[in-house]
Amino acid sequence: MGLPGISTTADPLSWEDATRLYESLIKEEEYRLAAMVIIGMHTGLRISDIRNLTWRNVILEDCEIQEHKTGKDKVIYLSPEVKCLLYKCYTMSKTPPLDQHFLLSQKKTVYTIQRLNSIMKSWKIKYNLSVKNISTHSLRKTMALRVLTLYKDDKIKGLKIIQGALN
C-alpha cells in the first residue's frame, strides 16, 4: 500500500525475467524469497496471502486459504513442477519446521510488505529486470500476463481463467 495521496504502480515482469529472477535467488541461496517469486508468478496470490503461507502449505498439499483482503475461501493448486521447485527451496533452506512461515527474515519474523517491496525494487537494478515499476504486486500481474499470453488465441477463456484466479 502506498502513501496517502501518492500514486503507486506495479508492472508485470516478463515470464523470462521472473524465471531468471527466481533462478538467480536460488543460486544466491535466497531460497525463501525465491519461493515467494515462484508462488506469486504461478498463483497470482496477493502478497498478504503469500506471507501467511507455511512450508506445509506449499510443498505437501493443495493449499486452502482464506484470502486476507476479501475473506473468501480459496484452494490453491500447484503443478508438480512448481511443487518440485518449492521443495528444492525448502530442502536448501535446511528443512525448517513444516508449520513455519516460509517468508521469515533473518530476524525470524515474517517480512513486512513494505520490506518485500523495498527488496524487489533493489532486484530491478541488481538483476537488470526490464520492468518500469516493480513491487510485490508485479508477481500477481506477471501471472495474469502469462495466462493472457498462453491464451492469445482464445482471449475470453484466458480472461475467465484470470478472473477465477484473481477474484
Foldseek 3Di string as FASTA:
>chain_A
DDDPPDDADAAAFAPVLLVVVLVVCVVVLVLLVSLLSLCLQAQLAQVVFLLQDFQCCQQPDFHWDQRPPPRHIDTHDDDPVSSVSNVSSCVSVVNDPRNQRSQADPVRDHDDQVVQQVVQVVCCVVVVTPTDHHGSSNSSNNNLVVLCVVVVVPNVVSVVVNVVRND
